[in-house]
Protein backbone atom coordinates (compact mmCIF):
# COMPACT_ATOMS: atom_id res chain seq x y z
CA MET A 1 5.18 -1.32 26.29
CA GLY A 2 2.98 -2.80 23.60
CA PHE A 3 0.36 -1.67 21.13
CA LYS A 4 -2.26 0.72 22.47
CA ILE A 5 -5.50 -0.12 20.69
CA VAL A 6 -8.13 2.62 20.95
CA GLN A 7 -11.13 3.70 18.94
CA ALA A 8 -10.11 5.68 15.85
CA LYS A 9 -11.30 9.25 15.47
CA ASN A 10 -14.23 10.24 13.34
CA SER A 11 -13.25 11.53 9.91
CA ALA A 12 -14.47 15.00 10.88
CA ASN A 13 -11.69 15.04 13.46
CA ASP A 14 -8.84 14.26 11.09
CA SER A 15 -5.99 16.50 12.12
CA SER A 16 -2.65 17.79 10.98
CA GLU A 17 0.32 17.99 13.30
CA LYS A 18 3.30 20.19 12.57
CA LYS A 19 6.79 19.14 13.59
CA GLY A 20 9.47 21.62 12.64
CA ASP A 21 8.79 22.64 9.05
CA PHE A 22 6.73 19.61 8.06
CA ASP A 23 3.03 18.77 8.46
CA TYR A 24 1.72 15.25 9.11
CA LEU A 25 -1.91 14.44 8.39
CA ILE A 26 -3.45 12.08 10.92
CA GLU A 27 -6.33 10.41 9.10
CA THR A 28 -9.24 8.25 10.13
CA PRO A 29 -9.12 5.06 8.01
CA LYS A 30 -12.02 4.76 5.60
CA TRP A 31 -11.54 1.18 4.35
CA THR A 32 -12.41 -2.06 6.11
CA LEU A 33 -10.99 -5.52 5.48
CA ASP A 34 -14.41 -6.66 4.26
CA GLU A 35 -14.13 -4.15 1.41
CA VAL A 36 -10.69 -5.27 0.23
CA THR A 37 -10.40 -8.06 -2.36
CA LEU A 38 -7.24 -10.09 -1.80
CA SER A 39 -5.90 -13.52 -2.72
CA GLN A 40 -6.13 -16.25 -0.09
CA PRO A 41 -2.35 -16.37 0.53
CA THR A 42 -2.37 -12.62 1.16
CA LEU A 43 -5.38 -12.90 3.47
CA ASN A 44 -3.62 -15.66 5.41
CA LYS A 45 -0.61 -13.40 6.04
CA ILE A 46 -2.88 -10.54 7.10
CA ASP A 47 -4.59 -12.90 9.58
CA GLU A 48 -1.17 -13.83 11.00
CA MET A 49 -0.30 -10.15 11.35
CA ILE A 50 -3.47 -9.42 13.28
CA ALA A 51 -2.97 -12.52 15.45
CA TYR A 52 0.53 -11.27 16.28
CA ILE A 53 -0.81 -7.84 17.27
CA ASP A 54 -3.64 -9.29 19.37
CA ASN A 55 -1.42 -11.84 21.14
CA ARG A 56 1.88 -10.03 21.45
CA ASP A 57 2.00 -10.18 25.26
CA LYS A 58 1.45 -13.95 25.19
CA LEU A 59 4.15 -14.42 22.55
CA LEU A 60 6.69 -12.25 24.35
CA ASN A 61 6.07 -13.18 27.95
CA GLU A 62 4.23 -16.49 28.29
CA TRP A 63 5.99 -18.12 25.35
CA GLU A 64 9.22 -16.21 26.07
CA PHE A 65 9.77 -14.81 22.60
CA ASN A 66 11.26 -11.84 24.46
CA ARG A 67 14.46 -13.87 24.71
CA PHE A 68 15.21 -12.96 21.10
CA LEU A 69 12.84 -10.04 20.43
CA LYS A 70 14.67 -7.45 22.50
CA THR A 71 14.26 -4.22 20.50
CA GLY A 72 11.21 -1.94 20.42
CA SER A 73 7.83 -3.54 20.90
CA GLY A 74 6.58 -2.32 17.53
CA LEU A 75 5.73 -4.26 14.40
CA SER A 76 7.32 -3.65 10.99
CA VAL A 77 5.59 -5.11 7.92
CA ASN A 78 6.38 -5.04 4.21
CA PHE A 79 3.68 -5.12 1.52
CA PHE A 80 5.04 -5.84 -1.96
CA GLY A 81 3.44 -6.42 -5.33
CA LYS A 82 2.58 -4.73 -8.60
CA PRO A 83 0.70 -1.41 -8.61
CA GLY A 84 -3.02 -1.43 -7.96
CA THR A 85 -3.19 -4.72 -6.03
CA GLY A 86 -4.51 -3.16 -2.82
CA LYS A 87 -1.48 -2.42 -0.66
CA SER A 88 -2.53 1.09 0.39
CA VAL A 89 -6.18 0.30 1.09
CA THR A 90 -5.21 -2.83 3.04
CA ALA A 91 -2.91 -0.79 5.28
CA GLU A 92 -5.82 1.57 5.91
CA ALA A 93 -8.16 -1.35 6.59
CA ILE A 94 -5.74 -2.83 9.13
CA ALA A 95 -5.56 0.52 10.94
CA ASN A 96 -9.36 0.50 10.98
CA LYS A 97 -9.42 -3.04 12.36
CA MET A 98 -7.03 -2.05 15.14
CA GLY A 99 -8.99 1.11 16.01
CA MET A 100 -6.03 3.29 15.02
CA SER A 101 -5.66 6.41 12.94
CA ILE A 102 -3.19 6.35 10.04
CA ILE A 103 -0.35 8.58 8.86
CA LYS A 104 0.57 8.11 5.20
CA ALA A 105 4.19 9.07 4.67
CA ASN A 106 6.05 9.34 1.39
CA TYR A 107 9.83 9.52 1.50
CA GLY A 108 9.86 11.95 -1.42
CA GLU A 109 7.94 14.42 0.73
CA LEU A 110 10.15 13.83 3.78
CA GLU A 111 13.41 14.16 1.88
CA SER A 112 15.29 17.43 2.13
CA GLU A 113 18.25 18.85 0.23
CA LEU A 114 19.72 19.98 3.55
CA VAL A 115 22.02 17.38 5.07
CA GLY A 116 20.46 16.02 8.26
CA LYS A 117 17.04 17.54 7.64
CA THR A 118 15.60 14.31 6.21
CA SER A 119 16.55 12.51 9.41
CA ASP A 120 14.77 15.21 11.42
CA HIS A 121 11.63 14.68 9.33
CA LEU A 122 11.79 10.92 9.85
CA MET A 123 12.17 11.27 13.62
CA ALA A 124 9.26 13.70 13.72
CA VAL A 125 6.85 11.47 11.80
CA PHE A 126 7.71 8.45 13.98
CA GLU A 127 7.21 10.53 17.12
CA THR A 128 3.87 11.81 15.82
CA ALA A 129 2.67 8.30 14.95
CA GLU A 130 3.54 6.87 18.33
CA LYS A 131 2.10 9.79 20.30
CA ASN A 132 -1.22 9.65 18.41
CA ASN A 133 -1.50 5.84 18.21
CA SER A 134 -1.37 6.07 14.42
CA LEU A 135 -0.40 3.26 12.08
CA LEU A 136 2.51 4.59 10.03
CA PHE A 137 2.32 3.76 6.32
CA PHE A 138 5.28 4.37 4.00
CA ASP A 139 4.41 4.14 0.31
CA GLU A 140 7.15 3.62 -2.32
CA ALA A 141 9.30 2.48 0.58
CA ASP A 142 12.18 1.35 -1.64
CA ALA A 143 13.26 5.00 -1.73
CA ILE A 144 14.26 4.83 1.94
CA LEU A 145 14.82 1.08 2.44
CA SER A 146 17.09 0.56 -0.58
CA LYS A 147 20.72 -0.42 -0.23
CA ARG A 148 23.02 2.17 1.29
CA ILE A 149 25.48 4.00 -0.96
CA SER A 150 28.95 2.46 -0.66
CA ASN A 151 30.93 4.91 -2.80
CA LEU A 152 30.19 8.33 -1.33
CA SER A 153 31.04 11.05 -3.85
CA GLN A 154 29.03 14.08 -2.72
CA ALA A 155 27.34 15.59 0.31
CA ALA A 156 23.94 14.34 -0.83
CA ASP A 157 25.20 10.74 -0.63
CA TYR A 158 26.15 11.24 3.01
CA GLY A 159 22.70 12.67 3.66
CA VAL A 160 21.01 9.65 2.10
CA ASN A 161 23.04 7.20 4.16
CA THR A 162 22.43 9.24 7.31
CA ALA A 163 18.68 9.06 6.69
CA LYS A 164 18.85 5.29 6.21
CA SER A 165 20.82 4.89 9.44
CA THR A 166 18.25 7.03 11.22
CA MET A 167 15.47 4.81 9.87
CA LEU A 168 17.21 1.69 11.21
CA THR A 169 17.48 3.24 14.66
CA LEU A 170 13.85 4.38 14.60
CA LEU A 171 12.64 0.90 13.65
CA ASP A 172 14.53 -0.59 16.60
CA LYS A 173 12.89 1.82 19.05
CA PHE A 174 9.40 2.15 17.56
CA ASN A 175 6.53 0.84 19.68
CA GLY A 176 3.78 1.14 17.07
CA ILE A 177 2.84 -0.46 13.77
CA ILE A 178 4.60 0.51 10.55
CA ILE A 179 3.76 -0.83 7.10
CA PHE A 180 6.01 -0.32 4.10
CA ALA A 181 4.73 -0.75 0.54
CA THR A 182 6.70 -1.21 -2.66
CA ASN A 183 6.74 -2.80 -6.08
CA LEU A 184 10.57 -2.85 -6.04
CA PHE A 185 11.17 -5.27 -3.16
CA ASP A 186 14.49 -6.53 -4.58
CA ASN A 187 16.12 -3.16 -3.84
CA TYR A 188 15.79 -3.42 -0.05
CA ASP A 189 18.88 -3.29 2.13
CA GLU A 190 19.47 -6.50 4.10
CA ALA A 191 19.60 -4.54 7.36
CA PHE A 192 16.02 -3.40 6.85
CA LEU A 193 14.84 -6.87 5.85
CA ARG A 194 16.06 -8.24 9.19
CA ARG A 195 13.87 -5.75 11.04
CA ILE A 196 10.70 -6.50 9.07
CA LEU A 197 8.71 -9.30 10.68
CA PHE A 198 6.12 -9.91 7.93
CA ASP A 199 6.60 -9.81 4.16
CA VAL A 200 3.18 -9.88 2.49
CA GLU A 201 2.91 -10.36 -1.27
CA PHE A 202 -0.05 -8.82 -3.08
CA LEU A 203 -0.89 -10.90 -6.14
CA PRO A 204 -2.75 -9.75 -9.27
CA PRO A 205 -6.43 -10.76 -9.10
CA ASP A 206 -7.54 -14.01 -10.70
CA LEU A 207 -10.90 -14.43 -12.46
CA GLU A 208 -12.87 -14.89 -9.24
CA MET A 209 -11.23 -11.88 -7.60
CA ARG A 210 -11.85 -9.69 -10.65
CA GLU A 211 -15.54 -10.59 -10.54
CA LYS A 212 -15.65 -9.54 -6.87
CA LEU A 213 -13.86 -6.31 -7.75
CA TRP A 214 -16.36 -5.49 -10.49
CA ARG A 215 -19.29 -6.26 -8.19
CA PHE A 216 -17.83 -3.89 -5.60
CA HIS A 217 -17.13 -1.04 -8.04
CA LEU A 218 -19.97 -1.33 -10.57
CA SER A 219 -23.22 -1.69 -8.64
CA GLU A 220 -26.41 -3.27 -9.92
CA LYS A 221 -27.88 0.23 -10.29
CA VAL A 222 -25.49 1.16 -13.11
CA PRO A 223 -27.08 0.60 -16.59
CA LYS A 224 -25.27 -2.31 -18.22
CA GLU A 225 -25.84 -5.18 -20.60
CA ILE A 226 -22.94 -7.35 -19.51
CA THR A 227 -22.62 -9.90 -16.72
CA TYR A 228 -20.11 -9.62 -13.92
CA GLU A 229 -18.61 -12.88 -15.16
CA ASP A 230 -17.97 -11.30 -18.58
CA LEU A 231 -16.59 -8.16 -16.96
CA ALA A 232 -14.08 -10.33 -15.12
CA THR A 233 -13.14 -12.28 -18.24
CA VAL A 234 -12.65 -9.25 -20.49
CA SER A 235 -10.52 -7.49 -17.86
CA GLU A 236 -7.91 -10.23 -17.60
CA GLY A 237 -4.58 -8.85 -16.43
CA LEU A 238 -6.03 -5.81 -14.71
CA CYS A 239 -5.83 -5.09 -10.98
CA GLY A 240 -8.19 -3.39 -8.55
CA GLY A 241 -6.68 0.03 -9.20
CA ASP A 242 -7.25 -0.43 -12.93
CA ILE A 243 -10.86 -1.53 -12.43
CA ARG A 244 -11.46 1.50 -10.23
CA LYS A 245 -10.28 3.86 -12.98
CA LEU A 246 -12.26 2.04 -15.65
CA THR A 247 -15.41 2.21 -13.53
CA ILE A 248 -15.05 5.98 -13.20
CA ASN A 249 -14.46 6.37 -16.96
CA LEU A 250 -17.49 4.25 -17.78
CA GLY A 251 -19.65 6.14 -15.32
CA LEU A 252 -18.68 9.48 -16.86
CA LYS A 253 -19.58 8.24 -20.33
CA LEU A 254 -23.02 7.33 -19.01
CA LEU A 255 -23.46 10.65 -17.21
CA THR A 256 -22.49 12.73 -20.24
CA GLY A 257 -24.81 10.79 -22.53
CA LYS A 258 -22.03 9.41 -24.72
CA VAL A 259 -23.44 5.94 -24.11
CA ASN A 260 -26.73 4.67 -22.72
CA THR A 261 -25.45 1.44 -21.24
CA ILE A 262 -22.27 -0.52 -20.62
CA ASP A 263 -21.89 -3.51 -22.90
CA LYS A 264 -19.08 -5.86 -23.84
CA THR A 265 -18.06 -3.88 -26.93
CA LEU A 266 -17.74 -0.65 -24.93
CA LEU A 267 -15.78 -2.38 -22.19
CA GLU A 268 -13.36 -3.98 -24.65
CA THR A 269 -12.76 -0.58 -26.27
CA GLU A 270 -12.19 1.13 -22.93
CA ILE A 271 -9.80 -1.58 -21.79
CA LYS A 272 -7.91 -1.43 -25.09
CA ASN A 273 -7.45 2.33 -24.72
CA TYR A 274 -6.52 1.97 -21.08
CA ARG A 275 -3.89 -0.65 -21.82
CA GLU A 276 -2.34 1.55 -24.49
CA VAL A 277 -1.93 4.33 -21.96
CA LYS A 278 -0.43 1.92 -19.43
CA VAL A 279 2.08 0.67 -21.98
CA LYS A 280 3.12 4.24 -22.79
CA HIS A 281 3.84 4.77 -19.11
CA ASN A 282 5.85 1.55 -18.85
CA THR A 283 3.41 -0.07 -16.46
CA LYS A 284 3.11 -3.82 -16.66
CA ILE A 285 -0.22 -5.48 -17.39
CA VAL A 286 -0.01 -9.25 -17.14
CA VAL A 287 -2.08 -10.82 -19.92
CA THR A 288 -1.92 -14.57 -20.25
CA ASP A 289 -4.08 -14.70 -23.38
CA THR A 290 -3.35 -11.95 -25.90
CA SER A 291 -5.34 -13.43 -28.76
CA ASN A 292 -8.16 -10.92 -28.39
CA ASN A 293 -6.24 -7.75 -27.63
CA GLY A 294 -2.78 -8.03 -29.14
CA PHE A 295 -1.02 -6.23 -26.31
CA GLU A 296 2.42 -7.23 -25.16
CA GLN A 297 3.73 -7.05 -21.63
CA ASN A 298 5.82 -4.12 -20.48
CA THR A 299 7.92 -3.53 -17.39
CA SER A 300 6.47 -2.07 -14.22
CA ILE A 301 8.77 0.53 -12.68
CA ARG A 302 6.72 2.56 -10.23
CA GLU A 303 3.44 2.51 -8.39
CA GLU A 304 0.90 4.99 -9.67
């Protein structure tokens, strides 16, 4: 049994499936790969992923990879990188490319205080994904893929380890596509790493990528007196998620009449304020030249 590629549903037909006491939203992907701005190394890995999916039968049977790929016929992938670099939207775009719906799972929502209940939730979401031909996307995956607890001191510890063991079993049997995303890749348990076929790093955008991001977010119709090249230069160290938020903030200032146009001075002020907020929340912004802003780096601890 391999991947079943079908046409994804229309967004109007997005549905929710209930398994036990938990609901799973089956969504139609809204992003395409053409809309996602990624570094060339990341794009190369995505191309390899898609080639694997499209040619799995040839790999397994004609080239006899089935001699050592003997577990489930699914594909497990890990996206890692700092927050805002496009992991979530890329997962959605891949589902779109494959004609699949997508289920976005978060371990914090699946976790239960009742011993064994978390495992039930995990089994249910895997079953739902496979039955509906949905790509399964786990955000903040380090919460479930982190190293197992060796010194068990309370019932909750047993529950955590049981859930991790359940996840290992599910990965071995899964016949679909699952993508994990994290910015804490170093915490993964070795047993999970062995089951993940592709590790894809999402790098912060360089100058050229930032210009593409600004062109995508801030259209020509928006009043501005600044070039896209200057937008990219002034926003050094920011990622796509940051540029998205800044674009919304700038648009609201225009709509409320606080400003009449976007210029370099306004952008520098907005970025300065935005960086201050990021620093307060311990989110890293990589700035290679701090001569114009005076901001120091901080440590990234969690995806927004």
